[in-house]
Amino acid sequence: MSKYIIEGGRRLVGEVPVIGAKNAVLPILAATIINNNTSTIFNTPNLKDVEVMEQILVSIGCKVSRVDNVIFVDSRNISKINIPEELVREMRSSIILMGAMLSRCGEVEISYPGGCEIGPRPIDLHLKALRQLGTIIEESHGFLHCKAEKLKGCDIQLDFPSVGATENIMLAAVKAEGTTIIRNAAREPEIIDLQNFLNGMGAKIHGAGTSIIRIDGVDSFNSVEHNIIPDRIVAGTYMVASAITGGEVILKNIEVEHIQSIIAKLKETGCMIYNNCTTLKIIGPKKINAIETVQTLPYPGFPTDMQAQMIALLSIANGTSIVTETIFENRFKHVEELVRMGANIKIAGKVAIIKGINELTGAKVTSKDLRGGAALVLAALAANGRSEIEDTFHIERGYDCLEKALLALNADIKKI
């Protein structure tokens, strides 16, 4: 088991490039299954979750090779419909393989997915939508067996703008007979990236990024090359790292439009932020202002994946802040670890009340999930003294060599 050892109190300065988005590359790798051809994907982050998805593709018969940040997939010889249970359990987003496999093979057998334990993330929206498209789904002993003689386009109204369900419908509908319309679709930038990839290989999809997506089914696809969008959550994490240490950090390779909600909240804390389309400079304040209210919402609202990092920052703000988590029920696991570092945070249901203190103190803490682990790293950077963060494998699921990036920004961090 690896851990980070961080000596806090150093101001971060310098430049850092932002990697390709984990939440964009995973559905796009799933989409390569549909192609029956070759796909070349650029700007892919080197992450545990991406590795798991590569292993899944290999297990069903794809040829996958990787050189640096480029992944090459040849999906012409898919021979299996069973997705290995041990791989699915490692990664929540493996559920989007259902739509892709139904498109390509008309059948798939998959277990219920794993991933971070941040509360119930029911897949009933996925199953309901796939049934509407004509899939027969049998559930038994923790497995789902899905079969469709012929997928048929239809109108689907999502009860909640779920990113995973929107992606699964897109993947299933690209070859369906007729037209599929998704209403109340998720609007995240990663959905637009998936649309661009699918359209690049010959699909006919319009409307990604809005709440209504239209998919006209097509019969065949061509080979495709695609560049993954920058990771807005990694960008947001580096921004908070600069803010919490009173630093001055320049982020390269970003999409400023994708992080507007994060920029707005960090400006409220007193950060100075300057940007053009692909570069951003953030200067942390001498004293961090408390924020009256932060509420996590589907895009373009404040991302649930930035909630933990924001709480770390607000724990040393001047005054009391209130953070409401509306997306996941069990997403405050980092709070008890921050309290070990001296933070004054009370949880009442979906609400965290944070009374800012002068400084955090270094402590031995444990990363319980991906974003909560990142929040502990941020807290440790600002804390007085030495912190040890255990179970960093969670963090490595979403950050490519986080310790190297922070080291280049003047942090005192080492991985053991």
Protein backbone atom coordinates (compact mmCIF):
# COMPACT_ATOMS: atom_id res chain seq x y z
CA MET A 1 0.00 0.00 0.00
CA SER A 2 1.38 3.39 -0.91
CA LYS A 3 1.06 6.59 1.08
CA TYR A 4 1.93 10.27 0.73
CA ILE A 5 4.09 12.09 3.26
CA ILE A 6 3.60 15.85 3.10
CA GLU A 7 5.30 18.64 5.03
CA GLY A 8 2.79 21.48 4.93
CA GLY A 9 3.17 25.23 4.82
CA ARG A 10 4.86 25.73 1.43
CA ARG A 11 3.42 28.16 -1.09
CA LEU A 12 2.75 26.52 -4.46
CA VAL A 13 4.17 28.33 -7.49
CA GLY A 14 4.72 27.38 -11.12
CA GLU A 15 2.98 25.83 -14.10
CA VAL A 16 1.11 22.54 -14.36
CA PRO A 17 -0.45 20.86 -17.42
CA VAL A 18 -3.91 19.29 -16.98
CA ILE A 19 -4.34 15.69 -18.16
CA GLY A 20 -7.18 14.28 -20.28
CA ALA A 21 -10.47 13.73 -18.47
CA LYS A 22 -10.99 10.37 -16.76
CA ASN A 23 -14.76 10.77 -17.04
CA ALA A 24 -14.47 11.37 -20.79
CA VAL A 25 -11.99 8.63 -21.70
CA LEU A 26 -13.87 5.77 -19.98
CA PRO A 27 -17.13 6.04 -21.99
CA ILE A 28 -15.10 6.68 -25.15
CA LEU A 29 -13.09 3.49 -24.58
CA ALA A 30 -16.41 1.67 -24.13
CA ALA A 31 -17.60 3.23 -27.40
CA THR A 32 -14.67 1.69 -29.32
CA ILE A 33 -16.51 -1.65 -28.98
CA ILE A 34 -19.28 -0.46 -31.33
CA ASN A 35 -16.85 0.48 -34.08
CA ASN A 36 -15.87 -2.94 -35.52
CA ASN A 37 -12.80 -1.04 -36.70
CA THR A 38 -9.82 0.85 -35.23
CA SER A 39 -9.85 3.80 -32.81
CA THR A 40 -6.89 6.03 -31.89
CA ILE A 41 -7.40 8.09 -28.75
CA PHE A 42 -5.01 10.91 -27.83
CA ASN A 43 -4.46 12.71 -24.49
CA THR A 44 -5.51 9.70 -22.40
CA PRO A 45 -4.53 9.92 -18.72
CA ASN A 46 -2.46 7.11 -17.25
CA LEU A 47 -4.88 6.05 -14.50
CA LYS A 48 -5.90 2.84 -12.74
CA ASP A 49 -9.50 3.15 -14.01
CA VAL A 50 -8.29 3.54 -17.61
CA GLU A 51 -6.10 0.46 -17.17
CA VAL A 52 -9.11 -1.53 -15.90
CA MET A 53 -11.17 -0.46 -18.95
CA GLU A 54 -8.26 -1.51 -21.24
CA GLN A 55 -8.21 -4.94 -19.52
CA ILE A 56 -11.98 -5.29 -20.03
CA LEU A 57 -11.60 -4.54 -23.76
CA VAL A 58 -8.81 -7.13 -24.07
CA SER A 59 -10.90 -9.72 -22.17
CA ILE A 60 -13.70 -9.58 -24.78
CA GLY A 61 -11.35 -9.83 -27.76
CA CYS A 62 -10.15 -6.30 -28.59
CA LYS A 63 -6.50 -5.59 -29.34
CA VAL A 64 -5.33 -2.67 -27.19
CA SER A 65 -1.93 -0.99 -27.21
CA ARG A 66 -0.68 2.15 -25.53
CA VAL A 67 2.23 4.48 -26.28
CA ASP A 68 2.56 7.30 -23.74
CA ASN A 69 -0.79 9.13 -23.84
CA VAL A 70 -2.14 7.45 -26.98
CA ILE A 71 -4.35 4.35 -26.86
CA PHE A 72 -5.00 2.28 -29.97
CA VAL A 73 -8.01 -0.10 -30.00
CA ASP A 74 -8.84 -2.65 -32.70
CA SER A 75 -12.32 -4.02 -32.00
CA ARG A 76 -12.80 -6.17 -35.12
CA ASN A 77 -12.55 -9.51 -33.32
CA ILE A 78 -14.86 -9.30 -30.31
CA SER A 79 -15.59 -12.88 -29.25
CA LYS A 80 -17.17 -12.70 -25.76
CA ILE A 81 -20.28 -11.12 -24.25
CA ASN A 82 -19.27 -11.75 -20.61
CA ILE A 83 -17.55 -8.86 -18.86
CA PRO A 84 -15.20 -10.23 -16.13
CA GLU A 85 -16.74 -9.71 -12.70
CA GLU A 86 -13.47 -8.90 -10.91
CA LEU A 87 -12.82 -5.97 -13.30
CA VAL A 88 -16.38 -4.62 -13.15
CA ARG A 89 -16.23 -4.58 -9.36
CA GLU A 90 -13.14 -2.36 -9.47
CA MET A 91 -14.81 0.42 -11.41
CA ARG A 92 -18.25 1.94 -11.28
CA SER A 93 -18.28 3.30 -14.83
CA SER A 94 -17.95 -0.19 -16.31
CA ILE A 95 -21.77 -0.12 -16.40
CA ILE A 96 -21.60 1.92 -19.64
CA LEU A 97 -20.32 -1.21 -21.36
CA MET A 98 -23.95 -2.39 -21.42
CA GLY A 99 -25.02 0.10 -24.09
CA ALA A 100 -21.90 -0.46 -26.19
CA MET A 101 -22.15 -4.28 -26.07
CA LEU A 102 -25.86 -4.24 -26.92
CA SER A 103 -25.05 -2.04 -29.93
CA ARG A 104 -22.30 -4.35 -31.14
CA CYS A 105 -23.37 -7.85 -30.05
CA GLY A 106 -27.04 -7.53 -29.08
CA GLU A 107 -26.18 -9.20 -25.78
CA VAL A 108 -24.09 -8.72 -22.64
CA GLU A 109 -23.63 -10.34 -19.24
CA ILE A 110 -22.25 -8.07 -16.52
CA SER A 111 -22.21 -7.94 -12.72
CA TYR A 112 -23.36 -4.96 -10.69
CA PRO A 113 -20.50 -2.41 -10.70
CA GLY A 114 -18.12 -1.34 -7.91
CA GLY A 115 -16.06 1.87 -7.49
CA CYS A 116 -15.94 4.44 -4.69
CA GLU A 117 -18.44 3.93 -1.89
CA ILE A 118 -20.03 7.36 -1.88
CA GLY A 119 -23.60 6.21 -1.36
CA PRO A 120 -26.22 4.54 -3.53
CA ARG A 121 -25.87 5.22 -7.23
CA PRO A 122 -28.72 3.14 -8.57
CA ILE A 123 -28.53 1.88 -12.13
CA ASP A 124 -32.32 1.64 -12.45
CA LEU A 125 -32.31 4.65 -14.82
CA HIS A 126 -29.92 2.75 -17.11
CA LEU A 127 -32.01 -0.43 -17.02
CA LYS A 128 -35.33 1.37 -17.56
CA ALA A 129 -33.94 3.22 -20.62
CA LEU A 130 -32.36 0.10 -22.15
CA ARG A 131 -35.67 -1.74 -21.71
CA GLN A 132 -37.44 1.12 -23.54
CA LEU A 133 -35.02 0.58 -26.45
CA GLY A 134 -36.10 -3.08 -26.61
CA THR A 135 -33.66 -4.89 -24.29
CA ILE A 136 -34.80 -7.87 -22.25
CA ILE A 137 -32.93 -7.79 -18.92
CA GLU A 138 -32.77 -10.65 -16.45
CA GLU A 139 -31.29 -10.01 -13.01
CA SER A 140 -30.03 -12.86 -10.86
CA HIS A 141 -27.32 -13.44 -8.23
CA GLY A 142 -25.80 -9.97 -8.74
CA PHE A 143 -25.56 -10.38 -12.52
CA LEU A 144 -27.44 -8.72 -15.36
CA HIS A 145 -28.08 -10.61 -18.56
CA CYS A 146 -29.21 -8.21 -21.29
CA LYS A 147 -30.36 -9.24 -24.74
CA ALA A 148 -31.90 -7.35 -27.65
CA GLU A 149 -32.91 -8.92 -30.97
CA LYS A 150 -33.20 -5.43 -32.46
CA LEU A 151 -32.85 -2.13 -30.63
CA LYS A 152 -35.52 0.36 -31.67
CA GLY A 153 -35.31 4.13 -31.28
CA CYS A 154 -37.79 5.77 -28.90
CA ASP A 155 -38.39 8.83 -26.69
CA ILE A 156 -36.72 8.53 -23.27
CA GLN A 157 -37.47 10.94 -20.44
CA LEU A 158 -34.85 10.65 -17.70
CA ASP A 159 -36.12 11.21 -14.13
CA PHE A 160 -32.72 12.71 -13.27
CA PRO A 161 -30.01 14.01 -15.65
CA SER A 162 -27.71 11.05 -14.94
CA VAL A 163 -24.39 11.19 -16.80
CA GLY A 164 -23.96 7.40 -16.91
CA ALA A 165 -27.53 6.76 -18.07
CA THR A 166 -27.25 9.44 -20.79
CA GLU A 167 -24.00 7.83 -22.02
CA ASN A 168 -25.45 4.31 -21.95
CA ILE A 169 -28.47 5.39 -24.01
CA MET A 170 -26.22 7.16 -26.55
CA LEU A 171 -24.07 4.04 -26.90
CA ALA A 172 -27.07 1.74 -27.26
CA ALA A 173 -29.00 4.02 -29.63
CA VAL A 174 -26.31 4.76 -32.24
CA LYS A 175 -27.21 1.57 -34.17
CA ALA A 176 -30.86 1.34 -33.14
CA GLU A 177 -33.55 1.39 -35.82
CA GLY A 178 -35.00 4.90 -36.19
CA THR A 179 -34.54 7.91 -33.92
CA THR A 180 -33.95 8.08 -30.16
CA ILE A 181 -34.56 11.29 -28.23
CA ILE A 182 -33.19 11.69 -24.67
CA ARG A 183 -35.01 14.35 -22.66
CA ASN A 184 -33.57 15.75 -19.40
CA ALA A 185 -30.18 14.46 -20.60
CA ALA A 186 -27.04 15.22 -18.60
CA ARG A 187 -25.23 18.27 -20.02
CA GLU A 188 -21.66 17.59 -18.83
CA PRO A 189 -18.74 18.36 -21.19
CA GLU A 190 -17.88 14.64 -21.14
CA ILE A 191 -21.22 13.94 -22.91
CA ILE A 192 -20.20 16.36 -25.70
CA ASP A 193 -16.84 14.60 -25.97
CA LEU A 194 -18.59 11.23 -26.34
CA GLN A 195 -20.89 12.69 -29.04
CA ASN A 196 -17.85 14.05 -30.91
CA PHE A 197 -16.11 10.67 -30.76
CA LEU A 198 -19.19 8.74 -31.93
CA ASN A 199 -19.91 11.24 -34.72
CA GLY A 200 -16.25 10.98 -35.75
CA MET A 201 -16.79 7.28 -36.45
CA GLY A 202 -20.02 7.90 -38.37
CA ALA A 203 -22.84 8.20 -35.81
CA LYS A 204 -25.57 10.85 -36.16
CA ILE A 205 -26.00 12.55 -32.78
CA HIS A 206 -27.08 16.14 -32.12
CA GLY A 207 -27.71 18.15 -28.97
CA ALA A 208 -25.07 16.93 -26.49
CA GLY A 209 -24.48 19.72 -23.97
CA THR A 210 -28.21 20.56 -23.97
CA SER A 211 -31.01 18.73 -22.16
CA ILE A 212 -32.34 17.14 -25.40
CA ILE A 213 -30.16 14.76 -27.42
CA ARG A 214 -31.29 13.27 -30.73
CA ILE A 215 -29.70 10.09 -32.08
CA ASP A 216 -30.48 8.78 -35.59
CA GLY A 217 -29.44 5.14 -35.85
CA VAL A 218 -26.87 4.18 -38.50
CA ASP A 219 -25.67 0.76 -39.71
CA SER A 220 -21.91 1.00 -40.03
CA PHE A 221 -18.94 2.92 -38.66
CA ASN A 222 -15.44 3.89 -39.77
CA SER A 223 -12.11 4.10 -37.97
CA VAL A 224 -11.62 7.24 -35.88
CA GLU A 225 -9.00 9.44 -34.20
CA HIS A 226 -9.98 11.56 -31.20
CA ASN A 227 -8.39 13.91 -28.65
CA ILE A 228 -9.77 13.66 -25.07
CA ILE A 229 -10.88 16.92 -23.40
CA PRO A 230 -8.91 18.20 -20.36
CA ASP A 231 -10.02 17.00 -16.92
CA ARG A 232 -12.02 19.80 -15.28
CA ILE A 233 -11.90 18.13 -11.84
CA VAL A 234 -8.11 17.79 -11.93
CA ALA A 235 -7.97 21.47 -13.00
CA GLY A 236 -10.26 22.42 -10.10
CA THR A 237 -8.10 20.43 -7.65
CA TYR A 238 -4.93 22.29 -8.72
CA MET A 239 -6.82 25.59 -8.42
CA VAL A 240 -7.75 24.78 -4.82
CA ALA A 241 -4.13 23.73 -4.17
CA SER A 242 -3.03 27.22 -5.20
CA ALA A 243 -5.82 28.87 -3.17
CA ILE A 244 -5.23 26.88 0.04
CA THR A 245 -1.46 27.61 0.06
CA GLY A 246 -1.74 31.29 -0.97
CA GLY A 247 0.09 30.23 -4.11
CA GLU A 248 0.42 31.43 -7.68
CA VAL A 249 -0.19 28.63 -10.16
CA ILE A 250 -0.67 28.60 -13.94
CA LEU A 251 -2.77 25.77 -15.41
CA LYS A 252 -2.05 24.78 -19.02
CA ASN A 253 -4.29 22.81 -21.39
CA ILE A 254 -7.70 23.56 -19.88
CA GLU A 255 -11.17 24.41 -21.18
CA VAL A 256 -12.11 27.51 -19.16
CA GLU A 257 -15.79 27.14 -20.09
CA HIS A 258 -15.91 23.76 -18.30
CA ILE A 259 -14.76 25.18 -14.92
CA GLN A 260 -16.84 28.36 -14.66
CA SER A 261 -18.72 27.20 -11.53
CA ILE A 262 -15.39 26.44 -9.78
CA ILE A 263 -13.90 29.79 -10.86
CA ALA A 264 -16.96 31.64 -9.48
CA LYS A 265 -16.72 30.00 -6.04
CA LEU A 266 -12.94 30.46 -5.77
CA LYS A 267 -13.34 34.15 -6.61
CA GLU A 268 -15.80 34.35 -3.68
CA THR A 269 -13.04 33.03 -1.40
CA GLY A 270 -10.80 35.93 -2.49
CA CYS A 271 -8.73 34.27 -5.24
CA MET A 272 -7.55 36.34 -8.18
CA ILE A 273 -8.06 34.47 -11.44
CA TYR A 274 -6.92 35.45 -14.94
CA ASN A 275 -7.55 33.30 -17.99
CA ASN A 276 -7.78 32.90 -21.73
CA CYS A 277 -9.38 29.85 -23.40
CA THR A 278 -6.70 27.26 -22.56
CA THR A 279 -4.58 28.80 -19.77
CA LEU A 280 -5.52 30.02 -16.30
CA LYS A 281 -3.54 31.79 -13.56
CA ILE A 282 -4.83 31.60 -9.98
CA ILE A 283 -3.37 33.58 -7.07
CA GLY A 284 -4.47 32.45 -3.61
CA PRO A 285 -5.62 35.11 -1.11
CA LYS A 286 -3.71 36.14 2.04
CA LYS A 287 -6.87 35.26 4.00
CA ILE A 288 -9.53 32.95 2.60
CA ASN A 289 -13.11 34.26 2.79
CA ALA A 290 -15.86 31.94 3.98
CA ILE A 291 -18.66 31.24 1.46
CA GLU A 292 -22.25 31.58 2.57
CA THR A 293 -23.40 28.60 0.51
CA VAL A 294 -22.03 26.01 -1.90
CA GLN A 295 -24.48 23.53 -3.37
CA THR A 296 -23.45 20.63 -5.61
CA LEU A 297 -25.61 20.33 -8.73
CA PRO A 298 -25.53 18.63 -12.14
CA TYR A 299 -23.47 20.55 -14.73
CA PRO A 300 -23.28 23.52 -15.23
CA GLY A 301 -23.71 23.74 -11.43
CA PHE A 302 -20.90 23.22 -8.91
CA PRO A 303 -19.56 19.66 -9.37
CA THR A 304 -20.06 17.05 -6.67
CA ASP A 305 -16.53 15.88 -7.56
CA MET A 306 -15.17 19.21 -6.21
CA GLN A 307 -17.14 19.26 -2.96
CA ALA A 308 -14.46 17.58 -0.81
CA GLN A 309 -11.66 19.82 -2.10
CA MET A 310 -13.82 22.91 -1.43
CA ILE A 311 -14.49 21.80 2.16
CA ALA A 312 -10.72 21.43 2.73
CA LEU A 313 -10.24 25.02 1.56
CA LEU A 314 -13.15 26.42 3.60
CA SER A 315 -11.86 24.68 6.76
CA ILE A 316 -9.25 27.49 7.06
CA ALA A 317 -11.51 30.32 5.80
CA ASN A 318 -12.38 33.43 7.78
CA GLY A 319 -15.93 32.66 9.03
CA THR A 320 -18.58 29.96 8.62
CA SER A 321 -19.43 28.26 5.31
CA ILE A 322 -22.28 25.91 4.43
CA VAL A 323 -21.86 23.15 1.81
CA THR A 324 -24.88 21.13 0.64
CA GLU A 325 -24.36 17.83 -1.21
CA THR A 326 -27.40 17.15 -3.42
CA ILE A 327 -26.01 14.41 -5.71
CA PHE A 328 -24.67 11.59 -3.48
CA GLU A 329 -25.78 10.62 0.01
CA ASN A 330 -22.55 9.34 1.51
CA ARG A 331 -20.03 11.86 0.30
CA PHE A 332 -18.71 13.36 3.54
CA LYS A 333 -16.28 10.56 4.50
CA HIS A 334 -13.32 12.97 4.24
CA VAL A 335 -14.80 15.17 6.98
CA GLU A 336 -13.82 12.94 9.92
CA GLU A 337 -10.26 12.85 8.55
CA LEU A 338 -10.17 16.67 8.21
CA VAL A 339 -11.40 16.89 11.81
CA ARG A 340 -8.32 14.86 12.83
CA MET A 341 -6.28 17.70 11.34
CA GLY A 342 -8.13 20.19 13.54
CA ALA A 343 -10.97 21.26 11.21
CA ASN A 344 -14.25 22.36 12.84
CA ILE A 345 -16.93 20.73 10.66
CA LYS A 346 -20.39 19.49 11.65
CA ILE A 347 -22.51 17.28 9.37
CA ALA A 348 -26.31 17.44 9.43
CA GLY A 349 -27.71 15.10 6.77
CA LYS A 350 -26.72 16.49 3.39
CA VAL A 351 -25.24 19.67 4.86
CA ALA A 352 -21.73 20.41 6.13
CA ILE A 353 -21.28 23.44 8.42
CA ILE A 354 -17.65 24.55 8.36
CA LYS A 355 -16.32 27.01 10.95
CA GLY A 356 -12.99 28.22 9.63
CA ILE A 357 -9.94 27.90 11.88
CA ASN A 358 -6.54 29.64 11.69
CA GLU A 359 -4.59 26.60 10.57
CA LEU A 360 -4.80 22.84 10.20
CA THR A 361 -2.18 20.62 11.83
CA GLY A 362 -0.43 17.68 10.20
CA ALA A 363 -1.84 14.26 11.09
CA LYS A 364 -2.03 10.64 9.99
CA VAL A 365 -5.18 10.30 7.86
CA THR A 366 -6.73 7.78 5.47
CA SER A 367 -8.09 8.34 2.01
CA LYS A 368 -11.58 6.76 1.87
CA ASP A 369 -12.44 7.63 -1.75
CA LEU A 370 -11.00 9.38 -4.80
CA ARG A 371 -12.03 13.03 -4.29
CA GLY A 372 -11.97 12.82 -0.50
CA GLY A 373 -8.36 11.62 -0.77
CA ALA A 374 -7.50 14.60 -2.98
CA ALA A 375 -9.05 16.90 -0.34
CA LEU A 376 -6.75 15.44 2.33
CA VAL A 377 -3.71 16.11 0.12
CA LEU A 378 -4.85 19.74 -0.24
CA ALA A 379 -5.38 20.07 3.52
CA ALA A 380 -1.94 18.59 4.18
CA LEU A 381 -0.29 21.10 1.81
CA ALA A 382 -1.63 23.95 3.96
CA ALA A 383 -1.28 22.27 7.38
CA ASN A 384 1.34 23.07 9.99
CA GLY A 385 3.68 20.08 10.21
CA ARG A 386 3.82 16.64 8.68
CA SER A 387 0.88 14.59 7.36
CA GLU A 388 0.70 10.98 6.26
CA ILE A 389 -2.10 10.06 3.86
CA GLU A 390 -2.72 6.33 3.60
CA ASP A 391 -4.58 4.31 0.91
CA THR A 392 -3.54 6.62 -1.91
CA PHE A 393 -4.68 4.02 -4.48
CA HIS A 394 -8.08 5.76 -4.34
CA ILE A 395 -6.44 9.04 -5.39
CA GLU A 396 -4.51 7.34 -8.19
CA ARG A 397 -7.81 6.27 -9.77
CA GLY A 398 -8.32 9.88 -10.88
CA TYR A 399 -4.96 11.69 -10.72
CA ASP A 400 -1.97 10.80 -12.89
CA CYS A 401 1.18 11.14 -10.71
CA LEU A 402 -0.35 13.81 -8.46
CA GLU A 403 2.77 13.87 -6.26
CA LYS A 404 5.03 14.71 -9.25
CA ALA A 405 2.79 17.58 -10.34
CA LEU A 406 2.74 19.03 -6.80
CA LEU A 407 6.49 18.53 -6.39
CA ALA A 408 7.02 20.59 -9.55
CA LEU A 409 4.93 23.33 -7.90
CA ASN A 410 7.22 23.50 -4.82
CA ALA A 411 5.26 21.17 -2.53
CA ASP A 412 7.16 19.00 -0.03
CA ILE A 413 5.54 15.65 -0.89
CA LYS A 414 6.82 12.13 -1.36
CA LYS A 415 5.15 8.85 -2.17
CA ILE A 416 6.21 5.77 -0.25
